[in-house]
Amino acid sequence: MPTDVDKAEVVRAIGAERDRTLALLRSMERAQWDLDTDLPGWRVREVVAHLLTTDRAGVNGTLVLQVMRSTDKLERWNDRQVVKWADRSPTDLLLGLERWGRRFRRVARMVPGALYRMPMRTMYGRGRAGLLLWARPFDEWVHRQDIRRALALPHEEADLAPIAGFVLATIPSATLPDVDGKGTVAVELEGVPLRPWVFDLESRTVVDGAGGEPDARIVVDGAQFVMTVGGRGSFAELEADGALRVEGDRAPADALLGKLRIV
């Protein structure tokens, strides 16, 4: 099963996710920009400021330096950028989000395909350099659901394959090195048009699912899976709610789920 990054799909997803975010924000009343989200200390406007400043840093090159550091340092840097924009008017935030999103997509399109596939160590471990650009639609999708939750709207499920695909593609480099366990685990995402991915915990690789039945199978709602990987809730809560089930040997499945986070 390929783990390379598809440049054309990443560029398309970057544009599609920003278009959806802009459409949602333009439908909101001014007072709704001050609604609290589930992220501590962040209103809707802080979430928007985060998306905008991340794009801005991606275009001017600042973000490249930050993603080579630890996740904690990246988060602290991000918080400092957000406060510079969060209290601007919704009009200014929308204009900035549209402008910097367009520029970021242009940069993503200009990056050679060979560079997308180049091995590189990042905050996701040693994977493909293109994961850094692929992370952008994942981050946007998760944060748009944060906004939708604040508005009491359900999660979106359309066009989720590139978002969930990013999560699956990061598991070998970002998650498996920290997993203490043996066996093979299939991850099957309900509602997402992707084949199940099978991970070998001992070799830390993706394996061909045609090679036999995996030791464990995790079957989970696709949208809920992405949100949980993004630090919203827990897999135990999903299982209790019936949105996740484990088939086969629980030990390798629990070992993988216990380390599966991208925040």
C-alpha atoms as a PDB file:
ATOM      1  CA  MET A   1       0.000   0.000   0.000  1.00  0.00           C
ATOM      2  CA  PRO A   2       1.552   3.347  -1.037  1.00  0.00           C
ATOM      3  CA  THR A   3       2.536   5.895   1.592  1.00  0.00           C
ATOM      4  CA  ASP A   4       3.847   8.502  -0.854  1.00  0.00           C
ATOM      5  CA  VAL A   5       2.261  11.930  -0.964  1.00  0.00           C
ATOM      6  CA  ASP A   6       0.076  12.743  -3.981  1.00  0.00           C
ATOM      7  CA  LYS A   7       0.897  16.359  -4.827  1.00  0.00           C
ATOM      8  CA  ALA A   8      -2.173  16.950  -6.998  1.00  0.00           C
ATOM      9  CA  GLU A   9      -4.507  15.633  -4.294  1.00  0.00           C
ATOM     10  CA  VAL A  10      -2.821  17.693  -1.571  1.00  0.00           C
ATOM     11  CA  VAL A  11      -3.068  20.905  -3.609  1.00  0.00           C
ATOM     12  CA  ARG A  12      -6.726  20.174  -4.390  1.00  0.00           C
ATOM     13  CA  ALA A  13      -7.509  19.461  -0.737  1.00  0.00           C
ATOM     14  CA  ILE A  14      -5.796  22.667   0.415  1.00  0.00           C
ATOM     15  CA  GLY A  15      -8.072  24.726  -1.813  1.00  0.00           C
ATOM     16  CA  ALA A  16     -11.228  22.733  -1.086  1.00  0.00           C
ATOM     17  CA  GLU A  17     -10.842  22.926   2.684  1.00  0.00           C
ATOM     18  CA  ARG A  18     -10.277  26.681   2.638  1.00  0.00           C
ATOM     19  CA  ASP A  19     -13.313  27.198   0.396  1.00  0.00           C
ATOM     20  CA  ARG A  20     -15.468  25.264   2.857  1.00  0.00           C
ATOM     21  CA  THR A  21     -14.137  27.243   5.806  1.00  0.00           C
ATOM     22  CA  LEU A  22     -14.798  30.577   4.097  1.00  0.00           C
ATOM     23  CA  ALA A  23     -18.336  29.486   3.176  1.00  0.00           C
ATOM     24  CA  LEU A  24     -19.066  28.553   6.800  1.00  0.00           C
ATOM     25  CA  LEU A  25     -17.647  31.782   8.217  1.00  0.00           C
ATOM     26  CA  ARG A  26     -19.504  33.966   5.723  1.00  0.00           C
ATOM     27  CA  SER A  27     -22.777  32.394   6.845  1.00  0.00           C
ATOM     28  CA  MET A  28     -22.212  33.376  10.487  1.00  0.00           C
ATOM     29  CA  GLU A  29     -23.567  36.331  12.437  1.00  0.00           C
ATOM     30  CA  ARG A  30     -21.002  38.731  13.877  1.00  0.00           C
ATOM     31  CA  ALA A  31     -21.761  37.653  17.467  1.00  0.00           C
ATOM     32  CA  GLN A  32     -20.996  34.029  16.602  1.00  0.00           C
ATOM     33  CA  TRP A  33     -17.334  34.898  16.065  1.00  0.00           C
ATOM     34  CA  ASP A  34     -17.078  35.323  19.839  1.00  0.00           C
ATOM     35  CA  LEU A  35     -18.528  31.909  20.683  1.00  0.00           C
ATOM     36  CA  ASP A  36     -16.256  29.721  22.786  1.00  0.00           C
ATOM     37  CA  THR A  37     -14.911  26.515  21.238  1.00  0.00           C
ATOM     38  CA  ASP A  38     -13.841  23.397  23.112  1.00  0.00           C
ATOM     39  CA  LEU A  39     -10.217  24.567  22.826  1.00  0.00           C
ATOM     40  CA  PRO A  40      -9.263  26.273  26.123  1.00  0.00           C
ATOM     41  CA  GLY A  41      -9.182  30.046  25.739  1.00  0.00           C
ATOM     42  CA  TRP A  42     -10.056  29.978  22.035  1.00  0.00           C
ATOM     43  CA  ARG A  43     -13.185  31.532  20.586  1.00  0.00           C
ATOM     44  CA  VAL A  44     -14.126  31.046  16.951  1.00  0.00           C
ATOM     45  CA  ARG A  45     -12.004  34.087  16.097  1.00  0.00           C
ATOM     46  CA  GLU A  46      -8.884  32.511  17.638  1.00  0.00           C
ATOM     47  CA  VAL A  47      -9.403  29.408  15.522  1.00  0.00           C
ATOM     48  CA  VAL A  48      -9.669  31.560  12.405  1.00  0.00           C
ATOM     49  CA  ALA A  49      -6.584  33.538  13.423  1.00  0.00           C
ATOM     50  CA  HIS A  50      -4.687  30.255  13.796  1.00  0.00           C
ATOM     51  CA  LEU A  51      -5.556  29.153  10.269  1.00  0.00           C
ATOM     52  CA  LEU A  52      -4.626  32.541   8.853  1.00  0.00           C
ATOM     53  CA  THR A  53      -1.309  32.904  10.664  1.00  0.00           C
ATOM     54  CA  THR A  54      -0.291  29.344   9.836  1.00  0.00           C
ATOM     55  CA  ASP A  55      -0.779  30.051   6.141  1.00  0.00           C
ATOM     56  CA  ARG A  56       1.065  33.348   6.463  1.00  0.00           C
ATOM     57  CA  ALA A  57       4.026  31.649   8.151  1.00  0.00           C
ATOM     58  CA  GLY A  58       3.968  28.909   5.530  1.00  0.00           C
ATOM     59  CA  VAL A  59       4.247  31.462   2.741  1.00  0.00           C
ATOM     60  CA  ASN A  60       6.979  33.611   4.307  1.00  0.00           C
ATOM     61  CA  GLY A  61       9.035  30.608   5.420  1.00  0.00           C
ATOM     62  CA  THR A  62       8.698  30.995   9.186  1.00  0.00           C
ATOM     63  CA  LEU A  63       6.669  27.802   9.518  1.00  0.00           C
ATOM     64  CA  VAL A  64       9.404  25.661   7.977  1.00  0.00           C
ATOM     65  CA  LEU A  65      11.685  26.490  10.895  1.00  0.00           C
ATOM     66  CA  GLN A  66       8.978  25.755  13.453  1.00  0.00           C
ATOM     67  CA  VAL A  67       7.961  22.317  12.155  1.00  0.00           C
ATOM     68  CA  MET A  68      11.521  21.092  12.604  1.00  0.00           C
ATOM     69  CA  ARG A  69      11.136  21.655  16.350  1.00  0.00           C
ATOM     70  CA  SER A  70       9.041  19.802  18.934  1.00  0.00           C
ATOM     71  CA  THR A  71       5.251  19.874  18.899  1.00  0.00           C
ATOM     72  CA  ASP A  72       5.218  21.764  22.226  1.00  0.00           C
ATOM     73  CA  LYS A  73       7.460  24.503  20.866  1.00  0.00           C
ATOM     74  CA  LEU A  74       5.360  24.723  17.732  1.00  0.00           C
ATOM     75  CA  GLU A  75       2.188  25.141  19.800  1.00  0.00           C
ATOM     76  CA  ARG A  76       3.717  27.909  21.916  1.00  0.00           C
ATOM     77  CA  TRP A  77       4.898  29.710  18.797  1.00  0.00           C
ATOM     78  CA  ASN A  78       1.438  29.352  17.286  1.00  0.00           C
ATOM     79  CA  ASP A  79      -0.258  30.829  20.352  1.00  0.00           C
ATOM     80  CA  ARG A  80       1.937  33.924  20.093  1.00  0.00           C
ATOM     81  CA  GLN A  81       0.896  34.457  16.481  1.00  0.00           C
ATOM     82  CA  VAL A  82      -2.820  33.987  17.154  1.00  0.00           C
ATOM     83  CA  VAL A  83      -3.081  36.853  19.647  1.00  0.00           C
ATOM     84  CA  LYS A  84      -1.804  39.288  17.006  1.00  0.00           C
ATOM     85  CA  TRP A  85      -4.867  38.657  14.823  1.00  0.00           C
ATOM     86  CA  ALA A  86      -7.696  37.263  16.935  1.00  0.00           C
ATOM     87  CA  ASP A  87      -9.361  40.554  17.907  1.00  0.00           C
ATOM     88  CA  ARG A  88      -9.499  42.018  14.423  1.00  0.00           C
ATOM     89  CA  SER A  89     -12.865  42.433  12.754  1.00  0.00           C
ATOM     90  CA  PRO A  90     -14.541  39.474  11.034  1.00  0.00           C
ATOM     91  CA  THR A  91     -14.107  41.330   7.748  1.00  0.00           C
ATOM     92  CA  ASP A  92     -10.349  41.634   8.259  1.00  0.00           C
ATOM     93  CA  LEU A  93     -10.064  38.005   9.309  1.00  0.00           C
ATOM     94  CA  LEU A  94     -12.035  36.817   6.287  1.00  0.00           C
ATOM     95  CA  LEU A  95      -9.949  38.917   3.911  1.00  0.00           C
ATOM     96  CA  GLY A  96      -6.732  37.654   5.495  1.00  0.00           C
ATOM     97  CA  LEU A  97      -7.908  34.049   5.439  1.00  0.00           C
ATOM     98  CA  GLU A  98      -8.794  34.285   1.756  1.00  0.00           C
ATOM     99  CA  ARG A  99      -5.605  36.130   0.779  1.00  0.00           C
ATOM    100  CA  TRP A 100      -3.099  33.974   2.666  1.00  0.00           C
ATOM    101  CA  GLY A 101      -4.919  30.767   1.794  1.00  0.00           C
ATOM    102  CA  ARG A 102      -4.650  31.603  -1.886  1.00  0.00           C
ATOM    103  CA  ARG A 103      -0.934  32.349  -1.502  1.00  0.00           C
ATOM    104  CA  PHE A 104      -0.307  29.136   0.452  1.00  0.00           C
ATOM    105  CA  ARG A 105      -2.023  27.067  -2.219  1.00  0.00           C
ATOM    106  CA  ARG A 106       0.146  28.748  -4.855  1.00  0.00           C
ATOM    107  CA  VAL A 107       3.281  27.800  -2.901  1.00  0.00           C
ATOM    108  CA  ALA A 108       2.059  24.200  -2.544  1.00  0.00           C
ATOM    109  CA  ARG A 109       1.487  24.060  -6.308  1.00  0.00           C
ATOM    110  CA  MET A 110       4.959  25.453  -7.058  1.00  0.00           C
ATOM    111  CA  VAL A 111       6.805  22.903  -4.895  1.00  0.00           C
ATOM    112  CA  PRO A 112       8.186  20.160  -7.211  1.00  0.00           C
ATOM    113  CA  GLY A 113       6.571  16.750  -6.947  1.00  0.00           C
ATOM    114  CA  ALA A 114       9.962  15.179  -6.246  1.00  0.00           C
ATOM    115  CA  LEU A 115      10.253  17.330  -3.114  1.00  0.00           C
ATOM    116  CA  TYR A 116       6.882  16.072  -1.863  1.00  0.00           C
ATOM    117  CA  ARG A 117       8.308  12.541  -1.995  1.00  0.00           C
ATOM    118  CA  MET A 118      11.704  13.368  -0.483  1.00  0.00           C
ATOM    119  CA  PRO A 119      12.500  11.640   2.873  1.00  0.00           C
ATOM    120  CA  MET A 120      12.747  14.212   5.646  1.00  0.00           C
ATOM    121  CA  ARG A 121      12.619  14.325   9.445  1.00  0.00           C
ATOM    122  CA  THR A 122       9.793  16.514  10.734  1.00  0.00           C
ATOM    123  CA  MET A 123       7.463  16.713  13.718  1.00  0.00           C
ATOM    124  CA  TYR A 124       5.812  13.573  12.238  1.00  0.00           C
ATOM    125  CA  GLY A 125       9.041  11.591  12.429  1.00  0.00           C
ATOM    126  CA  ARG A 126      11.089  10.590   9.412  1.00  0.00           C
ATOM    127  CA  GLY A 127       8.606  10.529   6.558  1.00  0.00           C
ATOM    128  CA  ARG A 128       7.977  12.307   3.289  1.00  0.00           C
ATOM    129  CA  ALA A 129       8.533  16.064   3.109  1.00  0.00           C
ATOM    130  CA  GLY A 130       5.107  16.434   1.515  1.00  0.00           C
ATOM    131  CA  LEU A 131       3.478  15.509   4.830  1.00  0.00           C
ATOM    132  CA  LEU A 132       4.176  19.088   5.938  1.00  0.00           C
ATOM    133  CA  LEU A 133       1.912  20.412   3.187  1.00  0.00           C
ATOM    134  CA  TRP A 134      -0.593  17.571   3.537  1.00  0.00           C
ATOM    135  CA  ALA A 135      -0.965  18.518   7.200  1.00  0.00           C
ATOM    136  CA  ARG A 136      -2.568  21.802   6.182  1.00  0.00           C
ATOM    137  CA  PRO A 137      -5.960  20.403   4.985  1.00  0.00           C
ATOM    138  CA  PHE A 138      -6.002  18.013   7.971  1.00  0.00           C
ATOM    139  CA  ASP A 139      -5.501  20.910  10.402  1.00  0.00           C
ATOM    140  CA  GLU A 140      -8.107  23.018   8.615  1.00  0.00           C
ATOM    141  CA  TRP A 141     -10.702  20.242   8.603  1.00  0.00           C
ATOM    142  CA  VAL A 142     -10.275  19.571  12.329  1.00  0.00           C
ATOM    143  CA  HIS A 143     -10.467  23.254  13.235  1.00  0.00           C
ATOM    144  CA  ARG A 144     -13.531  23.784  11.067  1.00  0.00           C
ATOM    145  CA  GLN A 145     -15.224  21.032  13.054  1.00  0.00           C
ATOM    146  CA  ASP A 146     -14.214  22.945  16.209  1.00  0.00           C
ATOM    147  CA  ILE A 147     -16.131  25.908  14.796  1.00  0.00           C
ATOM    148  CA  ARG A 148     -19.072  23.732  13.804  1.00  0.00           C
ATOM    149  CA  ARG A 149     -19.218  22.285  17.317  1.00  0.00           C
ATOM    150  CA  ALA A 150     -19.363  25.811  18.735  1.00  0.00           C
ATOM    151  CA  LEU A 151     -22.293  26.446  16.377  1.00  0.00           C
ATOM    152  CA  ALA A 152     -23.978  23.166  17.447  1.00  0.00           C
ATOM    153  CA  LEU A 153     -23.541  21.737  13.932  1.00  0.00           C
ATOM    154  CA  PRO A 154     -22.625  18.086  13.168  1.00  0.00           C
ATOM    155  CA  HIS A 155     -19.270  16.990  11.803  1.00  0.00           C
ATOM    156  CA  GLU A 156     -18.802  17.090   8.048  1.00  0.00           C
ATOM    157  CA  GLU A 157     -18.257  13.760   6.325  1.00  0.00           C
ATOM    158  CA  ALA A 158     -17.991  14.671   2.628  1.00  0.00           C
ATOM    159  CA  ASP A 159     -14.562  14.527   0.931  1.00  0.00           C
ATOM    160  CA  LEU A 160     -12.942  13.075   4.041  1.00  0.00           C
ATOM    161  CA  ALA A 161     -10.564  10.699   2.226  1.00  0.00           C
ATOM    162  CA  PRO A 162      -7.602  13.121   1.887  1.00  0.00           C
ATOM    163  CA  ILE A 163      -7.958  14.155   5.518  1.00  0.00           C
ATOM    164  CA  ALA A 164      -8.135  10.623   6.924  1.00  0.00           C
ATOM    165  CA  GLY A 165      -5.478   9.571   4.419  1.00  0.00           C
ATOM    166  CA  PHE A 166      -3.052  12.036   5.957  1.00  0.00           C
ATOM    167  CA  VAL A 167      -3.582  10.518   9.406  1.00  0.00           C
ATOM    168  CA  LEU A 168      -3.021   6.985   8.111  1.00  0.00           C
ATOM    169  CA  ALA A 169       0.088   8.038   6.190  1.00  0.00           C
ATOM    170  CA  THR A 170       1.698   9.556   9.291  1.00  0.00           C
ATOM    171  CA  ILE A 171       1.206   6.476  11.488  1.00  0.00           C
ATOM    172  CA  PRO A 172       4.374   4.600  10.379  1.00  0.00           C
ATOM    173  CA  SER A 173       6.684   7.543  11.142  1.00  0.00           C
ATOM    174  CA  ALA A 174       4.833   9.482  13.856  1.00  0.00           C
ATOM    175  CA  THR A 175       3.145   6.719  15.883  1.00  0.00           C
ATOM    176  CA  LEU A 176       4.610   3.251  15.359  1.00  0.00           C
ATOM    177  CA  PRO A 177       8.100   4.116  16.717  1.00  0.00           C
ATOM    178  CA  ASP A 178       6.429   4.808  20.091  1.00  0.00           C
ATOM    179  CA  VAL A 179       4.225   1.702  20.139  1.00  0.00           C
ATOM    180  CA  ASP A 180       5.388  -1.121  22.387  1.00  0.00           C
ATOM    181  CA  GLY A 181       3.684  -4.173  20.965  1.00  0.00           C
ATOM    182  CA  LYS A 182       3.609  -6.925  18.363  1.00  0.00           C
ATOM    183  CA  GLY A 183       1.131  -8.043  15.773  1.00  0.00           C
ATOM    184  CA  THR A 184      -0.731  -6.552  12.833  1.00  0.00           C
ATOM    185  CA  VAL A 185      -3.589  -4.090  13.143  1.00  0.00           C
ATOM    186  CA  ALA A 186      -6.018  -3.071  10.398  1.00  0.00           C
ATOM    187  CA  VAL A 187      -7.684   0.341  10.627  1.00  0.00           C
ATOM    188  CA  GLU A 188     -11.004   0.497   8.776  1.00  0.00           C
ATOM    189  CA  LEU A 189     -12.717   3.882   8.576  1.00  0.00           C
ATOM    190  CA  GLU A 190     -16.480   3.774   8.140  1.00  0.00           C
ATOM    191  CA  GLY A 191     -17.912   6.388   5.793  1.00  0.00           C
ATOM    192  CA  VAL A 192     -14.556   7.038   4.103  1.00  0.00           C
ATOM    193  CA  PRO A 193     -13.757   5.584   0.638  1.00  0.00           C
ATOM    194  CA  LEU A 194     -10.354   4.205   1.623  1.00  0.00           C
ATOM    195  CA  ARG A 195      -9.214   0.607   1.837  1.00  0.00           C
ATOM    196  CA  PRO A 196      -8.278  -0.538   5.364  1.00  0.00           C
ATOM    197  CA  TRP A 197      -4.636   0.122   6.215  1.00  0.00           C
ATOM    198  CA  VAL A 198      -2.764  -2.695   7.977  1.00  0.00           C
ATOM    199  CA  PHE A 199       0.124  -1.833  10.287  1.00  0.00           C
ATOM    200  CA  ASP A 200       2.794  -4.216  11.583  1.00  0.00           C
ATOM    201  CA  LEU A 201       3.684  -2.946  15.047  1.00  0.00           C
ATOM    202  CA  GLU A 202       6.991  -4.793  15.255  1.00  0.00           C
ATOM    203  CA  SER A 203       8.419  -3.829  11.853  1.00  0.00           C
ATOM    204  CA  ARG A 204       6.741  -0.392  12.050  1.00  0.00           C
ATOM    205  CA  THR A 205       5.505  -0.614   8.498  1.00  0.00           C
ATOM    206  CA  VAL A 206       2.344  -0.687   6.428  1.00  0.00           C
ATOM    207  CA  VAL A 207       1.754  -4.195   5.101  1.00  0.00           C
ATOM    208  CA  ASP A 208      -0.329  -5.601   2.279  1.00  0.00           C
ATOM    209  CA  GLY A 209      -3.749  -6.508   3.614  1.00  0.00           C
ATOM    210  CA  ALA A 210      -3.921  -9.380   1.126  1.00  0.00           C
ATOM    211  CA  GLY A 211      -1.273 -11.237   3.126  1.00  0.00           C
ATOM    212  CA  GLY A 212      -3.779 -12.717   5.549  1.00  0.00           C
ATOM    213  CA  GLU A 213      -6.141 -11.740   8.321  1.00  0.00           C
ATOM    214  CA  PRO A 214      -4.648  -9.138  10.714  1.00  0.00           C
ATOM    215  CA  ASP A 215      -4.338  -9.951  14.400  1.00  0.00           C
ATOM    216  CA  ALA A 216      -6.689  -7.080  15.211  1.00  0.00           C
ATOM    217  CA  ARG A 217      -9.099  -4.869  13.332  1.00  0.00           C
ATOM    218  CA  ILE A 218     -10.198  -1.405  14.437  1.00  0.00           C
ATOM    219  CA  VAL A 219     -13.467  -0.344  12.805  1.00  0.00           C
ATOM    220  CA  VAL A 220     -14.317   3.283  13.544  1.00  0.00           C
ATOM    221  CA  ASP A 221     -16.403   6.166  12.240  1.00  0.00           C
ATOM    222  CA  GLY A 222     -14.106   8.150   9.944  1.00  0.00           C
ATOM    223  CA  ALA A 223     -14.952  11.678  11.093  1.00  0.00           C
ATOM    224  CA  GLN A 224     -14.821  10.693  14.764  1.00  0.00           C
ATOM    225  CA  PHE A 225     -11.492   8.952  14.188  1.00  0.00           C
ATOM    226  CA  VAL A 226      -9.900  12.082  12.711  1.00  0.00           C
ATOM    227  CA  MET A 227     -11.209  14.312  15.509  1.00  0.00           C
ATOM    228  CA  THR A 228      -9.962  11.923  18.184  1.00  0.00           C
ATOM    229  CA  VAL A 229      -6.525  11.667  16.600  1.00  0.00           C
ATOM    230  CA  GLY A 230      -6.573  15.465  16.655  1.00  0.00           C
ATOM    231  CA  GLY A 231      -6.947  15.426  20.443  1.00  0.00           C
ATOM    232  CA  ARG A 232     -10.725  15.850  20.679  1.00  0.00           C
ATOM    233  CA  GLY A 233     -11.951  13.183  23.085  1.00  0.00           C
ATOM    234  CA  SER A 234     -10.638   9.639  23.459  1.00  0.00           C
ATOM    235  CA  PHE A 235     -10.912   6.316  21.700  1.00  0.00           C
ATOM    236  CA  ALA A 236     -12.351   4.828  24.897  1.00  0.00           C
ATOM    237  CA  GLU A 237     -15.222   7.302  24.640  1.00  0.00           C
ATOM    238  CA  LEU A 238     -15.782   6.406  20.991  1.00  0.00           C
ATOM    239  CA  GLU A 239     -15.953   2.722  21.881  1.00  0.00           C
ATOM    240  CA  ALA A 240     -18.379   3.392  24.704  1.00  0.00           C
ATOM    241  CA  ASP A 241     -20.583   5.372  22.300  1.00  0.00           C
ATOM    242  CA  GLY A 242     -20.532   2.600  19.714  1.00  0.00           C
ATOM    243  CA  ALA A 243     -18.518   4.597  17.160  1.00  0.00           C
ATOM    244  CA  LEU A 244     -15.530   2.224  17.432  1.00  0.00           C
ATOM    245  CA  ARG A 245     -15.177  -1.500  17.813  1.00  0.00           C
ATOM    246  CA  VAL A 246     -12.180  -3.810  18.033  1.00  0.00           C
ATOM    247  CA  GLU A 247     -12.216  -7.247  16.451  1.00  0.00           C
ATOM    248  CA  GLY A 248      -9.631  -9.931  17.171  1.00  0.00           C
ATOM    249  CA  ASP A 249      -6.730  -9.506  19.590  1.00  0.00           C
ATOM    250  CA  ARG A 250      -7.197  -6.377  21.709  1.00  0.00           C
ATOM    251  CA  ALA A 251      -3.569  -6.118  22.796  1.00  0.00           C
ATOM    252  CA  PRO A 252      -2.075  -4.799  19.533  1.00  0.00           C
ATOM    253  CA  ALA A 253      -5.148  -2.648  18.852  1.00  0.00           C
ATOM    254  CA  ASP A 254      -4.939  -1.018  22.281  1.00  0.00           C
ATOM    255  CA  ALA A 255      -1.184  -0.519  21.890  1.00  0.00           C
ATOM    256  CA  LEU A 256      -1.749   1.414  18.657  1.00  0.00           C
ATOM    257  CA  LEU A 257      -4.713   3.442  19.874  1.00  0.00           C
ATOM    258  CA  GLY A 258      -2.840   4.376  23.039  1.00  0.00           C
ATOM    259  CA  LYS A 259      -0.215   6.272  21.028  1.00  0.00           C
ATOM    260  CA  LEU A 260      -2.300   7.576  18.147  1.00  0.00           C
ATOM    261  CA  ARG A 261      -2.361  11.392  18.421  1.00  0.00           C
ATOM    262  CA  ILE A 262      -1.575  14.240  16.042  1.00  0.00           C
ATOM    263  CA  VAL A 263      -2.008  17.623  17.692  1.00  0.00           C
END
